Amino acid sequence: MKALITFEEFTKVDLRVGTILEVKDFPEARNPAYQLFIDFGDLGIKKTSARITTLYKKEDLINRQIVAVINFSKKQIASFMSECLVVGAVNGKDVVLLNPENPVKNGTTVS
C-alpha cells in the first residue's frame, strides 16, 4: 500500500469520464502504446498515450467511455504531448481500462 493521504489531498485529483474519439498507433513510444483523443464534453478534447495495446484493438476503443485524471501537468512522451492520464487496473503488464457501468455525460466527475 502507498502512503496514506488526506481527503483534502484526494479532492485535488480531477477524475472525469470521457469518450475516446480517435486512436492512433504510437511507434515512437518506448513501450507499445496508442495515442488517444478523448472528448471530455465542456472541458474539450484532450490527448494522451496509453499502454493498452495487449488487450485492446484500436477499433474497439472508438466511442468507449473511460476514466481519466485531467488535471495533471502536460507531459512530453517522445514526439507527443500528453494532457491527461487514463485510469486502469494493472494486471501484470496488461492495463484494464476503468469505465462507467452505464453511459454518462462526457466530463462527468468521478468521486
PDB file of N, CA and C in Angstrom:
ATOM      1  N   MET A   1       0.833  -1.177   0.000  1.00  0.00           N
ATOM      2  CA  MET A   1       0.000   0.000   0.000  1.00  0.00           C
ATOM      3  C   MET A   1       0.880   1.244   0.000  1.00  0.00           C
ATOM      4  N   LYS A   2       0.430   2.264  -0.711  1.00  0.00           N
ATOM      5  CA  LYS A   2       1.176   3.527  -0.739  1.00  0.00           C
ATOM      6  C   LYS A   2       0.886   4.332   0.519  1.00  0.00           C
ATOM      7  N   ALA A   3       1.587   5.441   0.659  1.00  0.00           N
ATOM      8  CA  ALA A   3       1.421   6.300   1.833  1.00  0.00           C
ATOM      9  C   ALA A   3      -0.014   6.814   1.928  1.00  0.00           C
ATOM     10  N   LEU A   4      -0.503   6.966   3.158  1.00  0.00           N
ATOM     11  CA  LEU A   4      -1.839   7.497   3.383  1.00  0.00           C
ATOM     12  C   LEU A   4      -1.905   8.960   2.958  1.00  0.00           C
ATOM     13  N   ILE A   5      -3.045   9.357   2.421  1.00  0.00           N
ATOM     14  CA  ILE A   5      -3.269  10.752   2.066  1.00  0.00           C
ATOM     15  C   ILE A   5      -4.535  11.219   2.769  1.00  0.00           C
ATOM     16  N   THR A   6      -4.699  12.515   2.855  1.00  0.00           N
ATOM     17  CA  THR A   6      -5.909  13.060   3.460  1.00  0.00           C
ATOM     18  C   THR A   6      -6.998  13.178   2.404  1.00  0.00           C
ATOM     19  N   PHE A   7      -8.229  13.339   2.874  1.00  0.00           N
ATOM     20  CA  PHE A   7      -9.341  13.539   1.949  1.00  0.00           C
ATOM     21  C   PHE A   7      -9.108  14.801   1.127  1.00  0.00           C
ATOM     22  N   GLU A   8      -8.571  15.830   1.753  1.00  0.00           N
ATOM     23  CA  GLU A   8      -8.271  17.087   1.047  1.00  0.00           C
ATOM     24  C   GLU A   8      -7.285  16.846  -0.104  1.00  0.00           C
ATOM     25  N   GLU A   9      -6.278  16.012   0.130  1.00  0.00           N
ATOM     26  CA  GLU A   9      -5.320  15.688  -0.938  1.00  0.00           C
ATOM     27  C   GLU A   9      -6.018  14.941  -2.074  1.00  0.00           C
ATOM     28  N   PHE A  10      -6.888  14.003  -1.723  1.00  0.00           N
ATOM     29  CA  PHE A  10      -7.621  13.244  -2.744  1.00  0.00           C
ATOM     30  C   PHE A  10      -8.493  14.156  -3.597  1.00  0.00           C
ATOM     31  N   THR A  11      -9.120  15.148  -2.984  1.00  0.00           N
ATOM     32  CA  THR A  11     -10.026  16.028  -3.735  1.00  0.00           C
ATOM     33  C   THR A  11      -9.297  16.872  -4.782  1.00  0.00           C
ATOM     34  N   LYS A  12      -7.990  16.933  -4.716  1.00  0.00           N
ATOM     35  CA  LYS A  12      -7.219  17.670  -5.728  1.00  0.00           C
ATOM     36  C   LYS A  12      -7.132  16.906  -7.053  1.00  0.00           C
ATOM     37  N   VAL A  13      -7.383  15.599  -7.015  1.00  0.00           N
ATOM     38  CA  VAL A  13      -7.324  14.781  -8.227  1.00  0.00           C
ATOM     39  C   VAL A  13      -8.652  14.937  -8.970  1.00  0.00           C
ATOM     40  N   ASP A  14      -8.591  15.412 -10.206  1.00  0.00           N
ATOM     41  CA  ASP A  14      -9.800  15.642 -11.005  1.00  0.00           C
ATOM     42  C   ASP A  14     -10.004  14.469 -11.962  1.00  0.00           C
ATOM     43  N   LEU A  15     -10.825  13.511 -11.518  1.00  0.00           N
ATOM     44  CA  LEU A  15     -11.158  12.341 -12.331  1.00  0.00           C
ATOM     45  C   LEU A  15     -12.440  12.629 -13.095  1.00  0.00           C
ATOM     46  N   ARG A  16     -12.420  12.409 -14.406  1.00  0.00           N
ATOM     47  CA  ARG A  16     -13.584  12.666 -15.248  1.00  0.00           C
ATOM     48  C   ARG A  16     -13.795  11.519 -16.229  1.00  0.00           C
ATOM     49  N   VAL A  17     -15.042  11.424 -16.704  1.00  0.00           N
ATOM     50  CA  VAL A  17     -15.391  10.449 -17.731  1.00  0.00           C
ATOM     51  C   VAL A  17     -15.292  11.142 -19.090  1.00  0.00           C
ATOM     52  N   GLY A  18     -14.703  10.433 -20.042  1.00  0.00           N
ATOM     53  CA  GLY A  18     -14.618  10.937 -21.411  1.00  0.00           C
ATOM     54  C   GLY A  18     -14.837   9.803 -22.394  1.00  0.00           C
ATOM     55  N   THR A  19     -15.081  10.174 -23.637  1.00  0.00           N
ATOM     56  CA  THR A  19     -15.289   9.195 -24.706  1.00  0.00           C
ATOM     57  C   THR A  19     -14.135   9.277 -25.696  1.00  0.00           C
ATOM     58  N   ILE A  20     -13.544   8.131 -25.999  1.00  0.00           N
ATOM     59  CA  ILE A  20     -12.439   8.073 -26.958  1.00  0.00           C
ATOM     60  C   ILE A  20     -12.995   8.313 -28.363  1.00  0.00           C
ATOM     61  N   LEU A  21     -12.468   9.338 -29.029  1.00  0.00           N
ATOM     62  CA  LEU A  21     -12.904   9.682 -30.381  1.00  0.00           C
ATOM     63  C   LEU A  21     -12.004   9.109 -31.459  1.00  0.00           C
ATOM     64  N   GLU A  22     -10.708   9.065 -31.154  1.00  0.00           N
ATOM     65  CA  GLU A  22      -9.727   8.655 -32.163  1.00  0.00           C
ATOM     66  C   GLU A  22      -8.588   7.915 -31.476  1.00  0.00           C
ATOM     67  N   VAL A  23      -8.051   6.918 -32.170  1.00  0.00           N
ATOM     68  CA  VAL A  23      -6.926   6.125 -31.664  1.00  0.00           C
ATOM     69  C   VAL A  23      -5.908   5.993 -32.782  1.00  0.00           C
ATOM     70  N   LYS A  24      -4.648   6.299 -32.457  1.00  0.00           N
ATOM     71  CA  LYS A  24      -3.571   6.172 -33.440  1.00  0.00           C
ATOM     72  C   LYS A  24      -2.460   5.305 -32.863  1.00  0.00           C
ATOM     73  N   ASP A  25      -1.744   4.624 -33.738  1.00  0.00           N
ATOM     74  CA  ASP A  25      -0.542   3.910 -33.315  1.00  0.00           C
ATOM     75  C   ASP A  25       0.484   4.930 -32.833  1.00  0.00           C
ATOM     76  N   PHE A  26       1.366   4.503 -31.959  1.00  0.00           N
ATOM     77  CA  PHE A  26       2.395   5.387 -31.410  1.00  0.00           C
ATOM     78  C   PHE A  26       3.743   4.671 -31.463  1.00  0.00           C
ATOM     79  N   PRO A  27       4.294   4.514 -32.673  1.00  0.00           N
ATOM     80  CA  PRO A  27       5.536   3.738 -32.824  1.00  0.00           C
ATOM     81  C   PRO A  27       6.751   4.365 -32.142  1.00  0.00           C
ATOM     82  N   GLU A  28       6.716   5.673 -31.854  1.00  0.00           N
ATOM     83  CA  GLU A  28       7.851   6.329 -31.203  1.00  0.00           C
ATOM     84  C   GLU A  28       7.930   6.037 -29.706  1.00  0.00           C
ATOM     85  N   ALA A  29       6.871   5.520 -29.124  1.00  0.00           N
ATOM     86  CA  ALA A  29       6.848   5.237 -27.685  1.00  0.00           C
ATOM     87  C   ALA A  29       7.828   4.118 -27.356  1.00  0.00           C
ATOM     88  N   ARG A  30       8.438   4.196 -26.162  1.00  0.00           N
ATOM     89  CA  ARG A  30       9.383   3.165 -25.730  1.00  0.00           C
ATOM     90  C   ARG A  30       8.714   1.802 -25.590  1.00  0.00           C
ATOM     91  N   ASN A  31       7.512   1.797 -25.052  1.00  0.00           N
ATOM     92  CA  ASN A  31       6.721   0.581 -24.908  1.00  0.00           C
ATOM     93  C   ASN A  31       5.505   0.704 -25.818  1.00  0.00           C
ATOM     94  N   PRO A  32       4.997  -0.399 -26.350  1.00  0.00           N
ATOM     95  CA  PRO A  32       3.851  -0.327 -27.255  1.00  0.00           C
ATOM     96  C   PRO A  32       2.694   0.470 -26.631  1.00  0.00           C
ATOM     97  N   ALA A  33       2.193   1.448 -27.383  1.00  0.00           N
ATOM     98  CA  ALA A  33       1.142   2.326 -26.867  1.00  0.00           C
ATOM     99  C   ALA A  33       0.307   2.875 -28.017  1.00  0.00           C
ATOM    100  N   TYR A  34      -0.840   3.413 -27.650  1.00  0.00           N
ATOM    101  CA  TYR A  34      -1.697   4.137 -28.584  1.00  0.00           C
ATOM    102  C   TYR A  34      -1.727   5.604 -28.175  1.00  0.00           C
ATOM    103  N   GLN A  35      -1.998   6.456 -29.146  1.00  0.00           N
ATOM    104  CA  GLN A  35      -2.345   7.842 -28.873  1.00  0.00           C
ATOM    105  C   GLN A  35      -3.872   7.908 -28.866  1.00  0.00           C
ATOM    106  N   LEU A  36      -4.434   8.453 -27.785  1.00  0.00           N
ATOM    107  CA  LEU A  36      -5.879   8.550 -27.645  1.00  0.00           C
ATOM    108  C   LEU A  36      -6.301  10.016 -27.665  1.00  0.00           C
ATOM    109  N   PHE A  37      -7.416  10.296 -28.316  1.00  0.00           N
ATOM    110  CA  PHE A  37      -8.013  11.622 -28.346  1.00  0.00           C
ATOM    111  C   PHE A  37      -9.392  11.470 -27.708  1.00  0.00           C
ATOM    112  N   ILE A  38      -9.596  12.137 -26.566  1.00  0.00           N
ATOM    113  CA  ILE A  38     -10.736  11.862 -25.700  1.00  0.00           C
ATOM    114  C   ILE A  38     -11.589  13.116 -25.525  1.00  0.00           C
ATOM    115  N   ASP A  39     -12.900  12.969 -25.703  1.00  0.00           N
ATOM    116  CA  ASP A  39     -13.855  14.064 -25.537  1.00  0.00           C
ATOM    117  C   ASP A  39     -14.318  14.125 -24.091  1.00  0.00           C
ATOM    118  N   PHE A  40     -14.038  15.252 -23.427  1.00  0.00           N
ATOM    119  CA  PHE A  40     -14.477  15.471 -22.054  1.00  0.00           C
ATOM    120  C   PHE A  40     -15.582  16.531 -21.990  1.00  0.00           C
ATOM    121  N   GLY A  41     -16.420  16.573 -23.001  1.00  0.00           N
ATOM    122  CA  GLY A  41     -17.568  17.482 -23.004  1.00  0.00           C
ATOM    123  C   GLY A  41     -17.130  18.940 -22.981  1.00  0.00           C
ATOM    124  N   ASP A  42     -17.673  19.712 -22.021  1.00  0.00           N
ATOM    125  CA  ASP A  42     -17.372  21.142 -21.925  1.00  0.00           C
ATOM    126  C   ASP A  42     -15.892  21.418 -21.675  1.00  0.00           C
ATOM    127  N   LEU A  43     -15.151  20.425 -21.212  1.00  0.00           N
ATOM    128  CA  LEU A  43     -13.719  20.594 -20.941  1.00  0.00           C
ATOM    129  C   LEU A  43     -12.874  20.412 -22.204  1.00  0.00           C
ATOM    130  N   GLY A  44     -13.499  19.985 -23.293  1.00  0.00           N
ATOM    131  CA  GLY A  44     -12.807  19.845 -24.566  1.00  0.00           C
ATOM    132  C   GLY A  44     -12.212  18.464 -24.801  1.00  0.00           C
ATOM    133  N   ILE A  45     -11.448  18.397 -25.863  1.00  0.00           N
ATOM    134  CA  ILE A  45     -10.787  17.152 -26.256  1.00  0.00           C
ATOM    135  C   ILE A  45      -9.357  17.194 -25.742  1.00  0.00           C
ATOM    136  N   LYS A  46      -8.973  16.130 -25.053  1.00  0.00           N
ATOM    137  CA  LYS A  46      -7.604  16.018 -24.541  1.00  0.00           C
ATOM    138  C   LYS A  46      -6.977  14.762 -25.136  1.00  0.00           C
ATOM    139  N   LYS A  47      -5.661  14.802 -25.244  1.00  0.00           N
ATOM    140  CA  LYS A  47      -4.950  13.661 -25.815  1.00  0.00           C
ATOM    141  C   LYS A  47      -4.018  13.053 -24.774  1.00  0.00           C
ATOM    142  N   THR A  48      -3.776  11.768 -24.954  1.00  0.00           N
ATOM    143  CA  THR A  48      -2.862  11.056 -24.063  1.00  0.00           C
ATOM    144  C   THR A  48      -2.335   9.832 -24.788  1.00  0.00           C
ATOM    145  N   SER A  49      -1.331   9.213 -24.208  1.00  0.00           N
ATOM    146  CA  SER A  49      -0.886   7.917 -24.715  1.00  0.00           C
ATOM    147  C   SER A  49      -1.185   6.882 -23.646  1.00  0.00           C
ATOM    148  N   ALA A  50      -1.433   5.664 -24.084  1.00  0.00           N
ATOM    149  CA  ALA A  50      -1.767   4.609 -23.132  1.00  0.00           C
ATOM    150  C   ALA A  50      -1.184   3.287 -23.606  1.00  0.00           C
ATOM    151  N   ARG A  51      -0.582   2.557 -22.665  1.00  0.00           N
ATOM    152  CA  ARG A  51      -0.001   1.242 -22.963  1.00  0.00           C
ATOM    153  C   ARG A  51      -1.076   0.173 -22.786  1.00  0.00           C
ATOM    154  N   ILE A  52      -1.985   0.128 -23.736  1.00  0.00           N
ATOM    155  CA  ILE A  52      -3.132  -0.786 -23.657  1.00  0.00           C
ATOM    156  C   ILE A  52      -3.243  -1.652 -24.907  1.00  0.00           C
ATOM    157  N   THR A  53      -2.158  -1.784 -25.634  1.00  0.00           N
ATOM    158  CA  THR A  53      -2.193  -2.483 -26.921  1.00  0.00           C
ATOM    159  C   THR A  53      -2.365  -3.997 -26.787  1.00  0.00           C
ATOM    160  N   THR A  54      -2.048  -4.561 -25.629  1.00  0.00           N
ATOM    161  CA  THR A  54      -2.153  -6.022 -25.499  1.00  0.00           C
ATOM    162  C   THR A  54      -3.594  -6.486 -25.336  1.00  0.00           C
ATOM    163  N   LEU A  55      -4.447  -5.658 -24.760  1.00  0.00           N
ATOM    164  CA  LEU A  55      -5.837  -6.064 -24.512  1.00  0.00           C
ATOM    165  C   LEU A  55      -6.860  -5.406 -25.430  1.00  0.00           C
ATOM    166  N   TYR A  56      -6.468  -4.309 -26.094  1.00  0.00           N
ATOM    167  CA  TYR A  56      -7.443  -3.542 -26.865  1.00  0.00           C
ATOM    168  C   TYR A  56      -6.973  -3.292 -28.294  1.00  0.00           C
ATOM    169  N   LYS A  57      -7.887  -3.484 -29.233  1.00  0.00           N
ATOM    170  CA  LYS A  57      -7.655  -3.115 -30.628  1.00  0.00           C
ATOM    171  C   LYS A  57      -8.145  -1.685 -30.811  1.00  0.00           C
ATOM    172  N   LYS A  58      -7.503  -0.966 -31.711  1.00  0.00           N
ATOM    173  CA  LYS A  58      -7.860   0.434 -31.932  1.00  0.00           C
ATOM    174  C   LYS A  58      -9.350   0.605 -32.197  1.00  0.00           C
ATOM    175  N   GLU A  59      -9.892  -0.231 -33.077  1.00  0.00           N
ATOM    176  CA  GLU A  59     -11.300  -0.076 -33.463  1.00  0.00           C
ATOM    177  C   GLU A  59     -12.260  -0.360 -32.298  1.00  0.00           C
ATOM    178  N   ASP A  60     -11.832  -1.145 -31.326  1.00  0.00           N
ATOM    179  CA  ASP A  60     -12.686  -1.444 -30.167  1.00  0.00           C
ATOM    180  C   ASP A  60     -12.702  -0.312 -29.140  1.00  0.00           C
ATOM    181  N   LEU A  61     -11.754   0.603 -29.255  1.00  0.00           N
ATOM    182  CA  LEU A  61     -11.672   1.714 -28.312  1.00  0.00           C
ATOM    183  C   LEU A  61     -12.516   2.919 -28.727  1.00  0.00           C
ATOM    184  N   ILE A  62     -12.795   3.048 -30.013  1.00  0.00           N
ATOM    185  CA  ILE A  62     -13.579   4.180 -30.507  1.00  0.00           C
ATOM    186  C   ILE A  62     -14.959   4.175 -29.853  1.00  0.00           C
ATOM    187  N   ASN A  63     -15.376   5.341 -29.350  1.00  0.00           N
ATOM    188  CA  ASN A  63     -16.663   5.566 -28.682  1.00  0.00           C
ATOM    189  C   ASN A  63     -16.776   4.882 -27.314  1.00  0.00           C
ATOM    190  N   ARG A  64     -15.678   4.391 -26.790  1.00  0.00           N
ATOM    191  CA  ARG A  64     -15.672   3.778 -25.463  1.00  0.00           C
ATOM    192  C   ARG A  64     -15.474   4.876 -24.417  1.00  0.00           C
ATOM    193  N   GLN A  65     -16.273   4.826 -23.363  1.00  0.00           N
ATOM    194  CA  GLN A  65     -16.077   5.769 -22.271  1.00  0.00           C
ATOM    195  C   GLN A  65     -15.016   5.230 -21.324  1.00  0.00           C
ATOM    196  N   ILE A  66     -14.193   6.155 -20.823  1.00  0.00           N
ATOM    197  CA  ILE A  66     -13.101   5.808 -19.921  1.00  0.00           C
ATOM    198  C   ILE A  66     -13.070   6.827 -18.777  1.00  0.00           C
ATOM    199  N   VAL A  67     -12.233   6.549 -17.782  1.00  0.00           N
ATOM    200  CA  VAL A  67     -11.993   7.475 -16.685  1.00  0.00           C
ATOM    201  C   VAL A  67     -10.555   7.965 -16.805  1.00  0.00           C
ATOM    202  N   ALA A  68     -10.357   9.271 -16.592  1.00  0.00           N
ATOM    203  CA  ALA A  68      -9.009   9.828 -16.681  1.00  0.00           C
ATOM    204  C   ALA A  68      -8.818  10.945 -15.664  1.00  0.00           C
ATOM    205  N   VAL A  69      -7.565  11.131 -15.266  1.00  0.00           N
ATOM    206  CA  VAL A  69      -7.174  12.282 -14.454  1.00  0.00           C
ATOM    207  C   VAL A  69      -6.890  13.403 -15.445  1.00  0.00           C
ATOM    208  N   ILE A  70      -7.613  14.513 -15.307  1.00  0.00           N
ATOM    209  CA  ILE A  70      -7.453  15.572 -16.317  1.00  0.00           C
ATOM    210  C   ILE A  70      -6.658  16.776 -15.814  1.00  0.00           C
ATOM    211  N   ASN A  71      -6.254  16.776 -14.543  1.00  0.00           N
ATOM    212  CA  ASN A  71      -5.522  17.941 -14.038  1.00  0.00           C
ATOM    213  C   ASN A  71      -4.041  17.656 -13.767  1.00  0.00           C
ATOM    214  N   PHE A  72      -3.462  16.741 -14.518  1.00  0.00           N
ATOM    215  CA  PHE A  72      -2.010  16.557 -14.500  1.00  0.00           C
ATOM    216  C   PHE A  72      -1.364  17.635 -15.363  1.00  0.00           C
ATOM    217  N   SER A  73      -0.128  17.961 -15.047  1.00  0.00           N
ATOM    218  CA  SER A  73       0.635  18.829 -15.941  1.00  0.00           C
ATOM    219  C   SER A  73       0.872  18.078 -17.245  1.00  0.00           C
ATOM    220  N   LYS A  74       0.966  18.813 -18.349  1.00  0.00           N
ATOM    221  CA  LYS A  74       1.253  18.172 -19.635  1.00  0.00           C
ATOM    222  C   LYS A  74       2.606  17.475 -19.555  1.00  0.00           C
ATOM    223  N   LYS A  75       2.722  16.360 -20.288  1.00  0.00           N
ATOM    224  CA  LYS A  75       3.967  15.596 -20.273  1.00  0.00           C
ATOM    225  C   LYS A  75       4.352  15.212 -21.696  1.00  0.00           C
ATOM    226  N   GLN A  76       5.581  15.508 -22.070  1.00  0.00           N
ATOM    227  CA  GLN A  76       6.099  15.151 -23.385  1.00  0.00           C
ATOM    228  C   GLN A  76       6.491  13.681 -23.379  1.00  0.00           C
ATOM    229  N   ILE A  77       5.920  12.906 -24.286  1.00  0.00           N
ATOM    230  CA  ILE A  77       6.263  11.496 -24.446  1.00  0.00           C
ATOM    231  C   ILE A  77       6.674  11.314 -25.894  1.00  0.00           C
ATOM    232  N   ALA A  78       7.968  11.160 -26.112  1.00  0.00           N
ATOM    233  CA  ALA A  78       8.547  11.139 -27.470  1.00  0.00           C
ATOM    234  C   ALA A  78       8.100  12.417 -28.183  1.00  0.00           C
ATOM    235  N   SER A  79       7.448  12.283 -29.318  1.00  0.00           N
ATOM    236  CA  SER A  79       7.032  13.455 -30.100  1.00  0.00           C
ATOM    237  C   SER A  79       5.607  13.909 -29.768  1.00  0.00           C
ATOM    238  N   PHE A  80       5.043  13.399 -28.689  1.00  0.00           N
ATOM    239  CA  PHE A  80       3.624  13.580 -28.374  1.00  0.00           C
ATOM    240  C   PHE A  80       3.455  14.245 -27.008  1.00  0.00           C
ATOM    241  N   MET A  81       2.547  15.226 -26.918  1.00  0.00           N
ATOM    242  CA  MET A  81       2.278  15.898 -25.648  1.00  0.00           C
ATOM    243  C   MET A  81       1.019  15.311 -25.016  1.00  0.00           C
ATOM    244  N   SER A  82       1.182  14.645 -23.880  1.00  0.00           N
ATOM    245  CA  SER A  82       0.072  14.028 -23.167  1.00  0.00           C
ATOM    246  C   SER A  82      -0.571  15.065 -22.250  1.00  0.00           C
ATOM    247  N   GLU A  83      -1.915  15.105 -22.254  1.00  0.00           N
ATOM    248  CA  GLU A  83      -2.647  16.123 -21.492  1.00  0.00           C
ATOM    249  C   GLU A  83      -3.500  15.550 -20.357  1.00  0.00           C
ATOM    250  N   CYS A  84      -3.581  14.246 -20.244  1.00  0.00           N
ATOM    251  CA  CYS A  84      -4.354  13.608 -19.181  1.00  0.00           C
ATOM    252  C   CYS A  84      -3.807  12.201 -18.970  1.00  0.00           C
ATOM    253  N   LEU A  85      -4.343  11.501 -17.973  1.00  0.00           N
ATOM    254  CA  LEU A  85      -3.886  10.145 -17.679  1.00  0.00           C
ATOM    255  C   LEU A  85      -5.092   9.229 -17.576  1.00  0.00           C
ATOM    256  N   VAL A  86      -5.190   8.272 -18.485  1.00  0.00           N
ATOM    257  CA  VAL A  86      -6.269   7.292 -18.459  1.00  0.00           C
ATOM    258  C   VAL A  86      -6.042   6.351 -17.276  1.00  0.00           C
ATOM    259  N   VAL A  87      -7.113   6.007 -16.573  1.00  0.00           N
ATOM    260  CA  VAL A  87      -7.024   5.187 -15.368  1.00  0.00           C
ATOM    261  C   VAL A  87      -7.350   3.736 -15.706  1.00  0.00           C
ATOM    262  N   GLY A  88      -6.527   2.834 -15.195  1.00  0.00           N
ATOM    263  CA  GLY A  88      -6.759   1.418 -15.436  1.00  0.00           C
ATOM    264  C   GLY A  88      -6.212   0.571 -14.309  1.00  0.00           C
ATOM    265  N   ALA A  89      -6.673  -0.656 -14.254  1.00  0.00           N
ATOM    266  CA  ALA A  89      -6.178  -1.627 -13.285  1.00  0.00           C
ATOM    267  C   ALA A  89      -5.000  -2.358 -13.916  1.00  0.00           C
ATOM    268  N   VAL A  90      -3.871  -2.373 -13.236  1.00  0.00           N
ATOM    269  CA  VAL A  90      -2.669  -3.007 -13.763  1.00  0.00           C
ATOM    270  C   VAL A  90      -2.675  -4.475 -13.351  1.00  0.00           C
ATOM    271  N   ASN A  91      -2.630  -5.325 -14.356  1.00  0.00           N
ATOM    272  CA  ASN A  91      -2.652  -6.776 -14.145  1.00  0.00           C
ATOM    273  C   ASN A  91      -1.419  -7.345 -14.839  1.00  0.00           C
ATOM    274  N   GLY A  92      -0.306  -7.399 -14.110  1.00  0.00           N
ATOM    275  CA  GLY A  92       0.956  -7.800 -14.734  1.00  0.00           C
ATOM    276  C   GLY A  92       1.414  -6.691 -15.664  1.00  0.00           C
ATOM    277  N   LYS A  93       1.575  -7.007 -16.955  1.00  0.00           N
ATOM    278  CA  LYS A  93       1.951  -5.989 -17.941  1.00  0.00           C
ATOM    279  C   LYS A  93       0.738  -5.415 -18.653  1.00  0.00           C
ATOM    280  N   ASP A  94      -0.432  -5.988 -18.390  1.00  0.00           N
ATOM    281  CA  ASP A  94      -1.660  -5.521 -19.032  1.00  0.00           C
ATOM    282  C   ASP A  94      -2.339  -4.447 -18.184  1.00  0.00           C
ATOM    283  N   VAL A  95      -3.005  -3.514 -18.868  1.00  0.00           N
ATOM    284  CA  VAL A  95      -3.796  -2.487 -18.198  1.00  0.00           C
ATOM    285  C   VAL A  95      -5.237  -2.640 -18.651  1.00  0.00           C
ATOM    286  N   VAL A  96      -6.142  -2.812 -17.687  1.00  0.00           N
ATOM    287  CA  VAL A  96      -7.570  -2.937 -17.961  1.00  0.00           C
ATOM    288  C   VAL A  96      -8.200  -1.582 -17.676  1.00  0.00           C
ATOM    289  N   LEU A  97      -8.782  -0.968 -18.702  1.00  0.00           N
ATOM    290  CA  LEU A  97      -9.364   0.353 -18.550  1.00  0.00           C
ATOM    291  C   LEU A  97     -10.554   0.350 -17.596  1.00  0.00           C
ATOM    292  N   LEU A  98     -10.649   1.421 -16.796  1.00  0.00           N
ATOM    293  CA  LEU A  98     -11.805   1.607 -15.928  1.00  0.00           C
ATOM    294  C   LEU A  98     -12.826   2.464 -16.673  1.00  0.00           C
ATOM    295  N   ASN A  99     -14.087   2.114 -16.524  1.00  0.00           N
ATOM    296  CA  ASN A  99     -15.132   2.855 -17.225  1.00  0.00           C
ATOM    297  C   ASN A  99     -16.446   2.760 -16.457  1.00  0.00           C
ATOM    298  N   PRO A 100     -17.353   3.716 -16.685  1.00  0.00           N
ATOM    299  CA  PRO A 100     -18.647   3.648 -16.005  1.00  0.00           C
ATOM    300  C   PRO A 100     -19.459   2.455 -16.500  1.00  0.00           C
ATOM    301  N   GLU A 101     -20.266   1.912 -15.609  1.00  0.00           N
ATOM    302  CA  GLU A 101     -21.110   0.768 -15.960  1.00  0.00           C
ATOM    303  C   GLU A 101     -22.192   1.155 -16.968  1.00  0.00           C
ATOM    304  N   ASN A 102     -22.692   2.392 -16.854  1.00  0.00           N
ATOM    305  CA  ASN A 102     -23.699   2.909 -17.773  1.00  0.00           C
ATOM    306  C   ASN A 102     -23.180   4.194 -18.403  1.00  0.00           C
ATOM    307  N   PRO A 103     -23.629   4.537 -19.610  1.00  0.00           N
ATOM    308  CA  PRO A 103     -23.170   5.770 -20.244  1.00  0.00           C
ATOM    309  C   PRO A 103     -23.523   7.000 -19.406  1.00  0.00           C
ATOM    310  N   VAL A 104     -22.589   7.941 -19.347  1.00  0.00           N
ATOM    311  CA  VAL A 104     -22.810   9.214 -18.661  1.00  0.00           C
ATOM    312  C   VAL A 104     -22.321  10.342 -19.572  1.00  0.00           C
ATOM    313  N   LYS A 105     -22.682  11.554 -19.220  1.00  0.00           N
ATOM    314  CA  LYS A 105     -22.260  12.727 -19.992  1.00  0.00           C
ATOM    315  C   LYS A 105     -20.747  12.886 -19.916  1.00  0.00           C
ATOM    316  N   ASN A 106     -20.124  13.171 -21.053  1.00  0.00           N
ATOM    317  CA  ASN A 106     -18.689  13.409 -21.072  1.00  0.00           C
ATOM    318  C   ASN A 106     -18.350  14.582 -20.157  1.00  0.00           C
ATOM    319  N   GLY A 107     -17.308  14.411 -19.358  1.00  0.00           N
ATOM    320  CA  GLY A 107     -16.895  15.421 -18.404  1.00  0.00           C
ATOM    321  C   GLY A 107     -17.448  15.194 -17.021  1.00  0.00           C
ATOM    322  N   THR A 108     -18.286  14.170 -16.849  1.00  0.00           N
ATOM    323  CA  THR A 108     -18.842  13.865 -15.528  1.00  0.00           C
ATOM    324  C   THR A 108     -17.717  13.581 -14.544  1.00  0.00           C
ATOM    325  N   THR A 109     -17.844  14.133 -13.355  1.00  0.00           N
ATOM    326  CA  THR A 109     -16.856  13.947 -12.294  1.00  0.00           C
ATOM    327  C   THR A 109     -16.967  12.557 -11.687  1.00  0.00           C
ATOM    328  N   VAL A 110     -15.817  11.959 -11.366  1.00  0.00           N
ATOM    329  CA  VAL A 110     -15.761  10.674 -10.668  1.00  0.00           C
ATOM    330  C   VAL A 110     -15.304  10.980  -9.244  1.00  0.00           C
ATOM    331  N   SER A 111     -16.034  10.472  -8.273  1.00  0.00           N
ATOM    332  CA  SER A 111     -15.631  10.732  -6.881  1.00  0.00           C
ATOM    333  C   SER A 111     -15.782   9.473  -6.053  1.00  0.00           C
TER     334      SER A 111
END
